[in-house]
Amino acid sequence: MLNKRTGRIAAVLEKVRGSRLVRKAAESRVMKRISQSRAVRNAVRVFRAARYPTREEVWLIVRISLVGILILGGLVFLIRFVLVNGFLPMAGLSPS
């Protein structure tokens, strides 16, 4: 299945590379200037090194995110609880 996909992708890329419009755009000064940009080169380098995460990596990210959300939510809840039900009523202030 993977070979079938890569074959289709390769065929599309060949069509695009053979396109007269794409060649003309690639030869233009603007495209040459953009392709020499450091930001573009860095982005291309990152995209070449990037890959899809495995199922285990995705679940690890989800678990870490959920734990972070729960910790942050718990801290906010405690701070609001102390300020609304604890400190403010003792000081004689209304929590509004």
PDB file of N, CA and C in Angstrom:
ATOM      1  N   MET A   1       0.819  -1.179   0.000  1.00  0.00           N
ATOM      2  CA  MET A   1       0.000   0.000   0.000  1.00  0.00           C
ATOM      3  C   MET A   1       0.872   1.256   0.000  1.00  0.00           C
ATOM      4  N   LEU A   2       1.954   1.204   0.780  1.00  0.00           N
ATOM      5  CA  LEU A   2       2.850   2.351   0.841  1.00  0.00           C
ATOM      6  C   LEU A   2       3.528   2.587  -0.504  1.00  0.00           C
ATOM      7  N   ASN A   3       3.920   1.495  -1.177  1.00  0.00           N
ATOM      8  CA  ASN A   3       4.553   1.631  -2.489  1.00  0.00           C
ATOM      9  C   ASN A   3       3.582   2.219  -3.505  1.00  0.00           C
ATOM     10  N   LYS A   4       2.309   1.865  -3.394  1.00  0.00           N
ATOM     11  CA  LYS A   4       1.301   2.397  -4.299  1.00  0.00           C
ATOM     12  C   LYS A   4       1.174   3.905  -4.110  1.00  0.00           C
ATOM     13  N   ARG A   5       1.160   4.344  -2.836  1.00  0.00           N
ATOM     14  CA  ARG A   5       1.062   5.772  -2.537  1.00  0.00           C
ATOM     15  C   ARG A   5       2.285   6.531  -3.041  1.00  0.00           C
ATOM     16  N   THR A   6       3.458   5.999  -2.756  1.00  0.00           N
ATOM     17  CA  THR A   6       4.669   6.692  -3.194  1.00  0.00           C
ATOM     18  C   THR A   6       4.745   6.747  -4.712  1.00  0.00           C
ATOM     19  N   GLY A   7       4.230   5.728  -5.376  1.00  0.00           N
ATOM     20  CA  GLY A   7       4.196   5.744  -6.833  1.00  0.00           C
ATOM     21  C   GLY A   7       3.289   6.844  -7.356  1.00  0.00           C
ATOM     22  N   ARG A   8       2.132   7.007  -6.720  1.00  0.00           N
ATOM     23  CA  ARG A   8       1.206   8.073  -7.120  1.00  0.00           C
ATOM     24  C   ARG A   8       1.817   9.443  -6.863  1.00  0.00           C
ATOM     25  N   ILE A   9       2.439   9.587  -5.718  1.00  0.00           N
ATOM     26  CA  ILE A   9       3.067  10.871  -5.377  1.00  0.00           C
ATOM     27  C   ILE A   9       4.180  11.189  -6.362  1.00  0.00           C
ATOM     28  N   ALA A  10       4.977  10.195  -6.698  1.00  0.00           N
ATOM     29  CA  ALA A  10       6.066  10.410  -7.652  1.00  0.00           C
ATOM     30  C   ALA A  10       5.522  10.810  -9.017  1.00  0.00           C
ATOM     31  N   ALA A  11       4.407  10.214  -9.424  1.00  0.00           N
ATOM     32  CA  ALA A  11       3.818  10.556 -10.717  1.00  0.00           C
ATOM     33  C   ALA A  11       3.324  12.001 -10.723  1.00  0.00           C
ATOM     34  N   VAL A  12       2.692  12.419  -9.642  1.00  0.00           N
ATOM     35  CA  VAL A  12       2.205  13.804  -9.543  1.00  0.00           C
ATOM     36  C   VAL A  12       3.382  14.768  -9.542  1.00  0.00           C
ATOM     37  N   LEU A  13       4.425  14.432  -8.809  1.00  0.00           N
ATOM     38  CA  LEU A  13       5.598  15.303  -8.780  1.00  0.00           C
ATOM     39  C   LEU A  13       6.235  15.441 -10.146  1.00  0.00           C
ATOM     40  N   GLU A  14       6.288  14.370 -10.903  1.00  0.00           N
ATOM     41  CA  GLU A  14       6.853  14.445 -12.246  1.00  0.00           C
ATOM     42  C   GLU A  14       6.019  15.350 -13.146  1.00  0.00           C
ATOM     43  N   LYS A  15       4.695  15.270 -13.003  1.00  0.00           N
ATOM     44  CA  LYS A  15       3.828  16.144 -13.799  1.00  0.00           C
ATOM     45  C   LYS A  15       4.069  17.598 -13.434  1.00  0.00           C
ATOM     46  N   VAL A  16       4.194  17.856 -12.131  1.00  0.00           N
ATOM     47  CA  VAL A  16       4.399  19.231 -11.677  1.00  0.00           C
ATOM     48  C   VAL A  16       5.758  19.737 -12.132  1.00  0.00           C
ATOM     49  N   ARG A  17       6.783  18.924 -12.011  1.00  0.00           N
ATOM     50  CA  ARG A  17       8.123  19.339 -12.428  1.00  0.00           C
ATOM     51  C   ARG A  17       8.186  19.594 -13.923  1.00  0.00           C
ATOM     52  N   GLY A  18       7.417  18.852 -14.688  1.00  0.00           N
ATOM     53  CA  GLY A  18       7.422  19.017 -16.134  1.00  0.00           C
ATOM     54  C   GLY A  18       6.586  20.190 -16.606  1.00  0.00           C
ATOM     55  N   SER A  19       5.838  20.798 -15.718  1.00  0.00           N
ATOM     56  CA  SER A  19       4.958  21.896 -16.095  1.00  0.00           C
ATOM     57  C   SER A  19       5.771  23.120 -16.528  1.00  0.00           C
ATOM     58  N   ARG A  20       5.351  23.752 -17.635  1.00  0.00           N
ATOM     59  CA  ARG A  20       6.038  24.936 -18.148  1.00  0.00           C
ATOM     60  C   ARG A  20       5.917  26.101 -17.173  1.00  0.00           C
ATOM     61  N   LEU A  21       4.756  26.243 -16.545  1.00  0.00           N
ATOM     62  CA  LEU A  21       4.532  27.330 -15.605  1.00  0.00           C
ATOM     63  C   LEU A  21       5.435  27.200 -14.380  1.00  0.00           C
ATOM     64  N   VAL A  22       5.593  25.978 -13.896  1.00  0.00           N
ATOM     65  CA  VAL A  22       6.457  25.746 -12.729  1.00  0.00           C
ATOM     66  C   VAL A  22       7.907  26.052 -13.083  1.00  0.00           C
ATOM     67  N   ARG A  23       8.339  25.631 -14.277  1.00  0.00           N
ATOM     68  CA  ARG A  23       9.716  25.941 -14.697  1.00  0.00           C
ATOM     69  C   ARG A  23       9.937  27.431 -14.799  1.00  0.00           C
ATOM     70  N   LYS A  24       8.964  28.129 -15.379  1.00  0.00           N
ATOM     71  CA  LYS A  24       9.085  29.574 -15.544  1.00  0.00           C
ATOM     72  C   LYS A  24       9.156  30.272 -14.185  1.00  0.00           C
ATOM     73  N   ALA A  25       8.328  29.825 -13.241  1.00  0.00           N
ATOM     74  CA  ALA A  25       8.345  30.420 -11.903  1.00  0.00           C
ATOM     75  C   ALA A  25       9.663  30.129 -11.197  1.00  0.00           C
ATOM     76  N   ALA A  26      10.192  28.938 -11.378  1.00  0.00           N
ATOM     77  CA  ALA A  26      11.446  28.569 -10.725  1.00  0.00           C
ATOM     78  C   ALA A  26      12.615  29.376 -11.266  1.00  0.00           C
ATOM     79  N   GLU A  27      12.529  29.800 -12.528  1.00  0.00           N
ATOM     80  CA  GLU A  27      13.611  30.564 -13.125  1.00  0.00           C
ATOM     81  C   GLU A  27      13.530  32.049 -12.818  1.00  0.00           C
ATOM     82  N   SER A  28      12.420  32.504 -12.232  1.00  0.00           N
ATOM     83  CA  SER A  28      12.255  33.934 -11.979  1.00  0.00           C
ATOM     84  C   SER A  28      13.191  34.405 -10.867  1.00  0.00           C
ATOM     85  N   ARG A  29      13.486  35.692 -10.869  1.00  0.00           N
ATOM     86  CA  ARG A  29      14.374  36.267  -9.854  1.00  0.00           C
ATOM     87  C   ARG A  29      13.784  36.161  -8.458  1.00  0.00           C
ATOM     88  N   VAL A  30      12.486  36.393  -8.371  1.00  0.00           N
ATOM     89  CA  VAL A  30      11.842  36.360  -7.055  1.00  0.00           C
ATOM     90  C   VAL A  30      11.993  34.981  -6.435  1.00  0.00           C
ATOM     91  N   MET A  31      11.732  33.928  -7.215  1.00  0.00           N
ATOM     92  CA  MET A  31      11.846  32.576  -6.679  1.00  0.00           C
ATOM     93  C   MET A  31      13.280  32.254  -6.288  1.00  0.00           C
ATOM     94  N   LYS A  32      14.238  32.730  -7.064  1.00  0.00           N
ATOM     95  CA  LYS A  32      15.630  32.487  -6.704  1.00  0.00           C
ATOM     96  C   LYS A  32      15.981  33.196  -5.408  1.00  0.00           C
ATOM     97  N   ARG A  33      15.464  34.419  -5.254  1.00  0.00           N
ATOM     98  CA  ARG A  33      15.736  35.181  -4.030  1.00  0.00           C
ATOM     99  C   ARG A  33      15.094  34.508  -2.820  1.00  0.00           C
ATOM    100  N   ILE A  34      13.852  34.030  -2.988  1.00  0.00           N
ATOM    101  CA  ILE A  34      13.154  33.358  -1.889  1.00  0.00           C
ATOM    102  C   ILE A  34      13.876  32.069  -1.519  1.00  0.00           C
ATOM    103  N   SER A  35      14.321  31.327  -2.528  1.00  0.00           N
ATOM    104  CA  SER A  35      14.965  30.050  -2.244  1.00  0.00           C
ATOM    105  C   SER A  35      16.309  30.237  -1.551  1.00  0.00           C
ATOM    106  N   GLN A  36      16.906  31.436  -1.672  1.00  0.00           N
ATOM    107  CA  GLN A  36      18.172  31.700  -1.001  1.00  0.00           C
ATOM    108  C   GLN A  36      17.969  32.209   0.419  1.00  0.00           C
ATOM    109  N   SER A  37      16.743  32.497   0.800  1.00  0.00           N
ATOM    110  CA  SER A  37      16.457  33.025   2.124  1.00  0.00           C
ATOM    111  C   SER A  37      16.801  31.990   3.197  1.00  0.00           C
ATOM    112  N   ARG A  38      17.366  32.467   4.282  1.00  0.00           N
ATOM    113  CA  ARG A  38      17.755  31.563   5.372  1.00  0.00           C
ATOM    114  C   ARG A  38      16.531  30.937   6.019  1.00  0.00           C
ATOM    115  N   ALA A  39      15.457  31.715   6.160  1.00  0.00           N
ATOM    116  CA  ALA A  39      14.236  31.199   6.779  1.00  0.00           C
ATOM    117  C   ALA A  39      13.636  30.066   5.949  1.00  0.00           C
ATOM    118  N   VAL A  40      13.647  30.235   4.642  1.00  0.00           N
ATOM    119  CA  VAL A  40      13.106  29.192   3.773  1.00  0.00           C
ATOM    120  C   VAL A  40      13.970  27.944   3.854  1.00  0.00           C
ATOM    121  N   ARG A  41      15.275  28.116   3.857  1.00  0.00           N
ATOM    122  CA  ARG A  41      16.162  26.950   3.958  1.00  0.00           C
ATOM    123  C   ARG A  41      15.956  26.219   5.277  1.00  0.00           C
ATOM    124  N   ASN A  42      15.779  26.975   6.366  1.00  0.00           N
ATOM    125  CA  ASN A  42      15.533  26.335   7.661  1.00  0.00           C
ATOM    126  C   ASN A  42      14.203  25.605   7.673  1.00  0.00           C
ATOM    127  N   ALA A  43      13.180  26.209   7.080  1.00  0.00           N
ATOM    128  CA  ALA A  43      11.871  25.552   7.021  1.00  0.00           C
ATOM    129  C   ALA A  43      11.944  24.274   6.200  1.00  0.00           C
ATOM    130  N   VAL A  44      12.642  24.316   5.085  1.00  0.00           N
ATOM    131  CA  VAL A  44      12.792  23.117   4.252  1.00  0.00           C
ATOM    132  C   VAL A  44      13.529  22.028   5.020  1.00  0.00           C
ATOM    133  N   ARG A  45      14.545  22.414   5.758  1.00  0.00           N
ATOM    134  CA  ARG A  45      15.301  21.437   6.549  1.00  0.00           C
ATOM    135  C   ARG A  45      14.407  20.782   7.604  1.00  0.00           C
ATOM    136  N   VAL A  46      13.577  21.577   8.262  1.00  0.00           N
ATOM    137  CA  VAL A  46      12.674  21.039   9.279  1.00  0.00           C
ATOM    138  C   VAL A  46      11.660  20.092   8.643  1.00  0.00           C
ATOM    139  N   PHE A  47      11.072  20.486   7.498  1.00  0.00           N
ATOM    140  CA  PHE A  47      10.082  19.633   6.856  1.00  0.00           C
ATOM    141  C   PHE A  47      10.688  18.329   6.356  1.00  0.00           C
ATOM    142  N   ARG A  48      11.924  18.362   5.938  1.00  0.00           N
ATOM    143  CA  ARG A  48      12.563  17.116   5.507  1.00  0.00           C
ATOM    144  C   ARG A  48      12.812  16.182   6.678  1.00  0.00           C
ATOM    145  N   ALA A  49      13.121  16.737   7.838  1.00  0.00           N
ATOM    146  CA  ALA A  49      13.400  15.910   9.016  1.00  0.00           C
ATOM    147  C   ALA A  49      12.129  15.483   9.736  1.00  0.00           C
ATOM    148  N   ALA A  50      11.006  16.150   9.462  1.00  0.00           N
ATOM    149  CA  ALA A  50       9.759  15.857  10.172  1.00  0.00           C
ATOM    150  C   ALA A  50       9.197  14.509   9.744  1.00  0.00           C
ATOM    151  N   ARG A  51       8.457  13.921  10.668  1.00  0.00           N
ATOM    152  CA  ARG A  51       7.789  12.656  10.376  1.00  0.00           C
ATOM    153  C   ARG A  51       6.526  12.582  11.236  1.00  0.00           C
ATOM    154  N   TYR A  52       5.625  11.692  10.886  1.00  0.00           N
ATOM    155  CA  TYR A  52       4.428  11.511  11.687  1.00  0.00           C
ATOM    156  C   TYR A  52       4.805  10.837  12.998  1.00  0.00           C
ATOM    157  N   PRO A  53       4.192  11.263  14.115  1.00  0.00           N
ATOM    158  CA  PRO A  53       4.495  10.593  15.386  1.00  0.00           C
ATOM    159  C   PRO A  53       3.844   9.216  15.428  1.00  0.00           C
ATOM    160  N   THR A  54       4.444   8.325  16.192  1.00  0.00           N
ATOM    161  CA  THR A  54       3.854   7.001  16.369  1.00  0.00           C
ATOM    162  C   THR A  54       2.673   7.120  17.329  1.00  0.00           C
ATOM    163  N   ARG A  55       1.888   6.060  17.404  1.00  0.00           N
ATOM    164  CA  ARG A  55       0.718   6.052  18.290  1.00  0.00           C
ATOM    165  C   ARG A  55       1.142   6.269  19.748  1.00  0.00           C
ATOM    166  N   GLU A  56       2.261   5.654  20.141  1.00  0.00           N
ATOM    167  CA  GLU A  56       2.739   5.802  21.526  1.00  0.00           C
ATOM    168  C   GLU A  56       3.135   7.251  21.810  1.00  0.00           C
ATOM    169  N   GLU A  57       3.776   7.907  20.852  1.00  0.00           N
ATOM    170  CA  GLU A  57       4.174   9.304  21.040  1.00  0.00           C
ATOM    171  C   GLU A  57       2.961  10.218  21.158  1.00  0.00           C
ATOM    172  N   VAL A  58       1.931   9.945  20.366  1.00  0.00           N
ATOM    173  CA  VAL A  58       0.715  10.764  20.436  1.00  0.00           C
ATOM    174  C   VAL A  58       0.065  10.623  21.801  1.00  0.00           C
ATOM    175  N   TRP A  59      -0.061   9.400  22.286  1.00  0.00           N
ATOM    176  CA  TRP A  59      -0.694   9.194  23.591  1.00  0.00           C
ATOM    177  C   TRP A  59       0.139   9.790  24.718  1.00  0.00           C
ATOM    178  N   LEU A  60       1.453   9.765  24.593  1.00  0.00           N
ATOM    179  CA  LEU A  60       2.306  10.395  25.596  1.00  0.00           C
ATOM    180  C   LEU A  60       2.064  11.902  25.624  1.00  0.00           C
ATOM    181  N   ILE A  61       1.964  12.518  24.455  1.00  0.00           N
ATOM    182  CA  ILE A  61       1.686  13.951  24.385  1.00  0.00           C
ATOM    183  C   ILE A  61       0.321  14.266  24.980  1.00  0.00           C
ATOM    184  N   VAL A  62      -0.688  13.433  24.676  1.00  0.00           N
ATOM    185  CA  VAL A  62      -2.037  13.647  25.210  1.00  0.00           C
ATOM    186  C   VAL A  62      -2.031  13.538  26.730  1.00  0.00           C
ATOM    187  N   ARG A  63      -1.365  12.526  27.262  1.00  0.00           N
ATOM    188  CA  ARG A  63      -1.332  12.358  28.725  1.00  0.00           C
ATOM    189  C   ARG A  63      -0.621  13.514  29.407  1.00  0.00           C
ATOM    190  N   ILE A  64       0.511  13.936  28.876  1.00  0.00           N
ATOM    191  CA  ILE A  64       1.247  15.055  29.470  1.00  0.00           C
ATOM    192  C   ILE A  64       0.406  16.325  29.421  1.00  0.00           C
ATOM    193  N   SER A  65      -0.293  16.545  28.319  1.00  0.00           N
ATOM    194  CA  SER A  65      -1.145  17.732  28.201  1.00  0.00           C
ATOM    195  C   SER A  65      -2.278  17.687  29.216  1.00  0.00           C
ATOM    196  N   LEU A  66      -2.917  16.537  29.356  1.00  0.00           N
ATOM    197  CA  LEU A  66      -4.014  16.414  30.320  1.00  0.00           C
ATOM    198  C   LEU A  66      -3.537  16.629  31.755  1.00  0.00           C
ATOM    199  N   VAL A  67      -2.397  16.083  32.091  1.00  0.00           N
ATOM    200  CA  VAL A  67      -1.858  16.292  33.437  1.00  0.00           C
ATOM    201  C   VAL A  67      -1.567  17.775  33.662  1.00  0.00           C
ATOM    202  N   GLY A  68      -1.006  18.442  32.679  1.00  0.00           N
ATOM    203  CA  GLY A  68      -0.741  19.872  32.800  1.00  0.00           C
ATOM    204  C   GLY A  68      -2.020  20.683  32.971  1.00  0.00           C
ATOM    205  N   ILE A  69      -3.045  20.336  32.192  1.00  0.00           N
ATOM    206  CA  ILE A  69      -4.329  21.038  32.302  1.00  0.00           C
ATOM    207  C   ILE A  69      -4.937  20.804  33.684  1.00  0.00           C
ATOM    208  N   LEU A  70      -4.887  19.576  34.179  1.00  0.00           N
ATOM    209  CA  LEU A  70      -5.440  19.277  35.505  1.00  0.00           C
ATOM    210  C   LEU A  70      -4.684  20.013  36.609  1.00  0.00           C
ATOM    211  N   ILE A  71      -3.365  20.062  36.520  1.00  0.00           N
ATOM    212  CA  ILE A  71      -2.581  20.774  37.542  1.00  0.00           C
ATOM    213  C   ILE A  71      -2.900  22.257  37.507  1.00  0.00           C
ATOM    214  N   LEU A  72      -2.917  22.838  36.335  1.00  0.00           N
ATOM    215  CA  LEU A  72      -3.220  24.264  36.213  1.00  0.00           C
ATOM    216  C   LEU A  72      -4.645  24.565  36.666  1.00  0.00           C
ATOM    217  N   GLY A  73      -5.588  23.744  36.266  1.00  0.00           N
ATOM    218  CA  GLY A  73      -6.975  23.929  36.692  1.00  0.00           C
ATOM    219  C   GLY A  73      -7.121  23.792  38.195  1.00  0.00           C
ATOM    220  N   GLY A  74      -6.427  22.832  38.788  1.00  0.00           N
ATOM    221  CA  GLY A  74      -6.472  22.660  40.242  1.00  0.00           C
ATOM    222  C   GLY A  74      -5.908  23.867  40.974  1.00  0.00           C
ATOM    223  N   LEU A  75      -4.808  24.393  40.476  1.00  0.00           N
ATOM    224  CA  LEU A  75      -4.234  25.591  41.107  1.00  0.00           C
ATOM    225  C   LEU A  75      -5.180  26.779  41.020  1.00  0.00           C
ATOM    226  N   VAL A  76      -5.787  26.974  39.861  1.00  0.00           N
ATOM    227  CA  VAL A  76      -6.730  28.084  39.703  1.00  0.00           C
ATOM    228  C   VAL A  76      -7.922  27.886  40.624  1.00  0.00           C
ATOM    229  N   PHE A  77      -8.421  26.652  40.715  1.00  0.00           N
ATOM    230  CA  PHE A  77      -9.549  26.372  41.610  1.00  0.00           C
ATOM    231  C   PHE A  77      -9.191  26.686  43.056  1.00  0.00           C
ATOM    232  N   LEU A  78      -8.016  26.248  43.509  1.00  0.00           N
ATOM    233  CA  LEU A  78      -7.606  26.512  44.892  1.00  0.00           C
ATOM    234  C   LEU A  78      -7.448  28.005  45.155  1.00  0.00           C
ATOM    235  N   ILE A  79      -6.831  28.711  44.225  1.00  0.00           N
ATOM    236  CA  ILE A  79      -6.641  30.153  44.415  1.00  0.00           C
ATOM    237  C   ILE A  79      -7.992  30.848  44.492  1.00  0.00           C
ATOM    238  N   ARG A  80      -8.909  30.527  43.574  1.00  0.00           N
ATOM    239  CA  ARG A  80     -10.237  31.154  43.610  1.00  0.00           C
ATOM    240  C   ARG A  80     -10.991  30.753  44.871  1.00  0.00           C
ATOM    241  N   PHE A  81     -10.880  29.513  45.284  1.00  0.00           N
ATOM    242  CA  PHE A  81     -11.582  29.047  46.480  1.00  0.00           C
ATOM    243  C   PHE A  81     -11.086  29.783  47.715  1.00  0.00           C
ATOM    244  N   VAL A  82      -9.779  29.931  47.821  1.00  0.00           N
ATOM    245  CA  VAL A  82      -9.212  30.627  48.981  1.00  0.00           C
ATOM    246  C   VAL A  82      -9.598  32.102  48.953  1.00  0.00           C
ATOM    247  N   LEU A  83      -9.499  32.733  47.804  1.00  0.00           N
ATOM    248  CA  LEU A  83      -9.820  34.157  47.732  1.00  0.00           C
ATOM    249  C   LEU A  83     -11.313  34.417  47.932  1.00  0.00           C
ATOM    250  N   VAL A  84     -12.167  33.575  47.360  1.00  0.00           N
ATOM    251  CA  VAL A  84     -13.607  33.823  47.444  1.00  0.00           C
ATOM    252  C   VAL A  84     -14.166  33.337  48.771  1.00  0.00           C
ATOM    253  N   ASN A  85     -13.811  32.140  49.204  1.00  0.00           N
ATOM    254  CA  ASN A  85     -14.402  31.563  50.411  1.00  0.00           C
ATOM    255  C   ASN A  85     -13.545  31.740  51.655  1.00  0.00           C
ATOM    256  N   GLY A  86     -12.313  32.131  51.479  1.00  0.00           N
ATOM    257  CA  GLY A  86     -11.439  32.202  52.639  1.00  0.00           C
ATOM    258  C   GLY A  86     -11.014  33.609  52.990  1.00  0.00           C
ATOM    259  N   PHE A  87     -10.156  34.177  52.202  1.00  0.00           N
ATOM    260  CA  PHE A  87      -9.519  35.442  52.559  1.00  0.00           C
ATOM    261  C   PHE A  87     -10.472  36.625  52.456  1.00  0.00           C
ATOM    262  N   LEU A  88     -11.204  36.757  51.371  1.00  0.00           N
ATOM    263  CA  LEU A  88     -12.059  37.927  51.170  1.00  0.00           C
ATOM    264  C   LEU A  88     -13.171  38.038  52.218  1.00  0.00           C
ATOM    265  N   PRO A  89     -13.903  36.958  52.519  1.00  0.00           N
ATOM    266  CA  PRO A  89     -14.924  37.101  53.582  1.00  0.00           C
ATOM    267  C   PRO A  89     -14.313  37.427  54.950  1.00  0.00           C
ATOM    268  N   MET A  90     -13.129  36.895  55.238  1.00  0.00           N
ATOM    269  CA  MET A  90     -12.501  37.212  56.530  1.00  0.00           C
ATOM    270  C   MET A  90     -12.143  38.678  56.592  1.00  0.00           C
ATOM    271  N   ALA A  91     -11.743  39.265  55.471  1.00  0.00           N
ATOM    272  CA  ALA A  91     -11.356  40.674  55.455  1.00  0.00           C
ATOM    273  C   ALA A  91     -12.579  41.585  55.376  1.00  0.00           C
ATOM    274  N   GLY A  92     -13.764  41.007  55.263  1.00  0.00           N
ATOM    275  CA  GLY A  92     -14.977  41.806  55.187  1.00  0.00           C
ATOM    276  C   GLY A  92     -15.267  42.347  53.817  1.00  0.00           C
ATOM    277  N   LEU A  93     -14.642  41.774  52.788  1.00  0.00           N
ATOM    278  CA  LEU A  93     -14.873  42.224  51.412  1.00  0.00           C
ATOM    279  C   LEU A  93     -15.806  41.241  50.699  1.00  0.00           C
ATOM    280  N   SER A  94     -16.600  41.748  49.767  1.00  0.00           N
ATOM    281  CA  SER A  94     -17.490  40.860  49.026  1.00  0.00           C
ATOM    282  C   SER A  94     -16.786  40.389  47.754  1.00  0.00           C
ATOM    283  N   PRO A  95     -16.943  39.131  47.397  1.00  0.00           N
ATOM    284  CA  PRO A  95     -16.246  38.580  46.225  1.00  0.00           C
ATOM    285  C   PRO A  95     -17.033  38.787  44.923  1.00  0.00           C
ATOM    286  N   SER A  96     -17.032  39.984  44.373  1.00  0.00           N
ATOM    287  CA  SER A  96     -17.767  40.172  43.126  1.00  0.00           C
ATOM    288  C   SER A  96     -16.920  40.738  42.048  1.00  0.00           C
TER     289      SER A  96
END
